[in-house]
Amino acid sequence: MRLDPKDPITLLIPLIGIALILLAVWLAGGTRRTRLDRALVLRRLAEDLPGFAAAEIVIVWDRLFGTFVDETASDPCRYGIVRNIGSFNPLRIALHEWVAILRDLRAARSGRERVVYLLGAPGRSLDGSRLTTDQLRAAWLAQAKRLAWRP
């Protein structure tokens, strides 16, 4: 089947392609949004979709539910992790969180505790030895109020 240049449908095909590209750019938000979603900013730590590292999923989540928190001058982006690993070994850096999860699962006393470790909030521990994202964010807000920052 050949496309006829005089057919109106033929003219719509490139317009639909352009519209889809513009929609994809709008959803993705560009490099700035990806940079903000990769940053360790305690103010926005609990705002993003927990458990997903794919910035594209987080950006679509932010668009759908309005959870995007922009960068401010008083709270610039900082990259890294909440707690330092203490090693320069690339294998340990790549796998340290998986090892911690397996250690938690091995120490769990019941199936319920295992489910809490696997599906609970990031940082959740039944013995209270670690801080959740909500607790980290609350501590950041308390410090911001003491220093008279406006989050």
Protein backbone atom coordinates (compact mmCIF):
# COMPACT_ATOMS: atom_id res chain seq x y z
CA MET A 1 0.00 0.00 0.00
CA ARG A 2 1.41 3.36 -1.03
CA LEU A 3 0.77 6.58 0.84
CA ASP A 4 -0.90 9.24 -1.24
CA PRO A 5 0.52 12.73 -0.48
CA LYS A 6 -2.90 14.24 -1.17
CA ASP A 7 -4.60 12.05 1.41
CA PRO A 8 -5.30 13.96 4.70
CA ILE A 9 -4.39 10.90 6.80
CA THR A 10 -0.90 10.95 5.29
CA LEU A 11 -0.44 14.48 6.62
CA LEU A 12 -1.46 13.42 10.14
CA ILE A 13 1.17 10.68 10.50
CA PRO A 14 4.15 13.07 11.00
CA LEU A 15 2.04 15.30 13.26
CA ILE A 16 1.18 12.35 15.49
CA GLY A 17 4.88 11.44 15.66
CA ILE A 18 5.83 14.99 16.63
CA ALA A 19 3.07 15.07 19.27
CA LEU A 20 4.34 11.80 20.77
CA ILE A 21 7.91 13.13 20.91
CA LEU A 22 6.74 16.33 22.63
CA LEU A 23 4.71 14.30 25.12
CA ALA A 24 7.76 12.15 25.91
CA VAL A 25 9.93 15.25 26.47
CA TRP A 26 7.26 16.78 28.71
CA LEU A 27 6.98 13.60 30.78
CA ALA A 28 10.73 13.11 31.07
CA GLY A 29 11.35 16.73 32.01
CA GLY A 30 14.90 16.77 30.69
CA THR A 31 18.21 16.44 32.47
CA ARG A 32 17.36 18.86 35.28
CA ARG A 33 14.54 16.64 36.59
CA THR A 34 16.72 13.55 36.35
CA ARG A 35 19.53 15.34 38.22
CA LEU A 36 17.15 16.34 41.02
CA ASP A 37 15.75 12.83 41.33
CA ARG A 38 19.26 11.38 41.70
CA ALA A 39 20.33 13.89 44.36
CA LEU A 40 20.34 13.20 48.08
CA VAL A 41 18.19 16.02 49.37
CA LEU A 42 16.53 15.08 52.65
CA ARG A 43 13.68 17.49 52.00
CA ARG A 44 12.63 15.42 48.99
CA LEU A 45 13.83 12.00 50.14
CA ALA A 46 10.38 10.79 51.24
CA GLU A 47 8.54 12.59 48.44
CA ASP A 48 9.68 10.34 45.60
CA LEU A 49 8.28 6.95 44.78
CA PRO A 50 10.13 4.63 47.19
CA GLY A 51 11.99 1.62 45.93
CA PHE A 52 12.55 2.72 42.34
CA ALA A 53 15.89 3.93 41.08
CA ALA A 54 14.69 4.55 37.52
CA ALA A 55 14.45 8.31 37.26
CA GLU A 56 11.93 8.06 34.42
CA ILE A 57 9.44 6.23 36.65
CA VAL A 58 9.94 8.78 39.41
CA ILE A 59 9.47 11.70 37.02
CA VAL A 60 6.20 10.25 35.68
CA TRP A 61 5.10 9.66 39.30
CA ASP A 62 5.91 13.30 40.11
CA ARG A 63 3.91 14.48 37.09
CA LEU A 64 0.90 12.32 37.95
CA PHE A 65 0.71 13.05 41.68
CA GLY A 66 2.35 16.49 41.97
CA THR A 67 5.13 15.35 44.33
CA PHE A 68 7.98 17.16 42.58
CA VAL A 69 10.10 19.25 44.98
CA ASP A 70 12.36 21.75 43.24
CA GLU A 71 15.90 22.70 44.20
CA THR A 72 16.30 25.82 46.34
CA ALA A 73 19.29 28.06 47.01
CA SER A 74 19.20 27.18 50.73
CA ASP A 75 19.17 23.46 49.99
CA PRO A 76 21.30 22.69 46.92
CA CYS A 77 21.66 19.20 45.44
CA ARG A 78 24.16 16.90 47.07
CA TYR A 79 24.93 13.52 45.58
CA GLY A 80 25.76 10.39 47.48
CA ILE A 81 24.17 8.08 50.02
CA VAL A 82 22.76 8.73 53.47
CA ARG A 83 25.55 6.87 55.29
CA ASN A 84 29.10 6.33 54.01
CA ILE A 85 30.09 2.75 53.19
CA GLY A 86 33.67 3.02 54.41
CA SER A 87 35.21 1.13 51.50
CA PHE A 88 36.52 1.86 48.02
CA ASN A 89 35.99 -1.73 46.87
CA PRO A 90 33.67 -1.51 43.81
CA LEU A 91 32.10 -4.90 44.53
CA ARG A 92 31.28 -3.91 48.11
CA ILE A 93 29.91 -0.55 46.94
CA ALA A 94 27.67 -2.23 44.37
CA LEU A 95 26.38 -4.98 46.66
CA HIS A 96 26.41 -3.48 50.17
CA GLU A 97 22.66 -2.83 50.25
CA TRP A 98 21.81 -6.34 49.04
CA VAL A 99 24.07 -7.79 51.73
CA ALA A 100 22.32 -5.64 54.37
CA ILE A 101 18.89 -6.81 53.17
CA LEU A 102 19.96 -10.46 53.31
CA ARG A 103 21.43 -9.92 56.79
CA ASP A 104 18.10 -8.40 57.94
CA LEU A 105 16.12 -11.29 56.43
CA ARG A 106 18.38 -13.84 58.14
CA ALA A 107 17.95 -12.08 61.50
CA ALA A 108 14.14 -11.85 61.17
CA ARG A 109 12.29 -14.09 63.61
CA SER A 110 9.05 -14.55 61.66
CA GLY A 111 7.57 -14.33 58.20
CA ARG A 112 5.89 -11.04 59.16
CA GLU A 113 9.25 -9.50 60.01
CA ARG A 114 10.66 -10.66 56.66
CA VAL A 115 7.75 -9.00 54.84
CA VAL A 116 8.34 -5.78 56.80
CA TYR A 117 12.01 -5.76 55.77
CA LEU A 118 11.21 -6.46 52.13
CA LEU A 119 8.16 -4.23 51.65
CA GLY A 120 8.40 -1.68 54.46
CA ALA A 121 9.59 1.90 54.21
CA PRO A 122 13.24 2.42 53.24
CA GLY A 123 15.41 2.25 56.36
CA ARG A 124 12.74 0.43 58.35
CA SER A 125 14.04 -1.82 61.12
CA LEU A 126 12.03 -3.62 63.75
CA ASP A 127 14.61 -2.98 66.46
CA GLY A 128 14.75 0.76 65.68
CA SER A 129 18.49 0.69 64.94
CA ARG A 130 18.11 2.63 61.66
CA LEU A 131 16.24 5.75 60.63
CA THR A 132 13.45 5.68 58.05
CA THR A 133 13.18 8.34 55.37
CA ASP A 134 10.42 10.05 57.37
CA GLN A 135 12.67 10.20 60.45
CA LEU A 136 15.60 11.55 58.40
CA ARG A 137 13.33 14.18 56.86
CA ALA A 138 11.93 15.19 60.28
CA ALA A 139 15.48 15.61 61.63
CA TRP A 140 16.36 17.74 58.59
CA LEU A 141 13.28 19.95 59.13
CA ALA A 142 14.15 20.37 62.82
CA GLN A 143 17.69 21.42 61.89
CA ALA A 144 16.35 23.77 59.21
CA LYS A 145 14.07 25.45 61.75
CA ARG A 146 16.94 25.83 64.23
CA LEU A 147 19.08 27.48 61.55
CA ALA A 148 16.11 29.58 60.33
CA TRP A 149 16.05 28.06 56.84
CA ARG A 150 12.86 28.12 54.88
CA PRO A 151 12.36 24.70 53.27
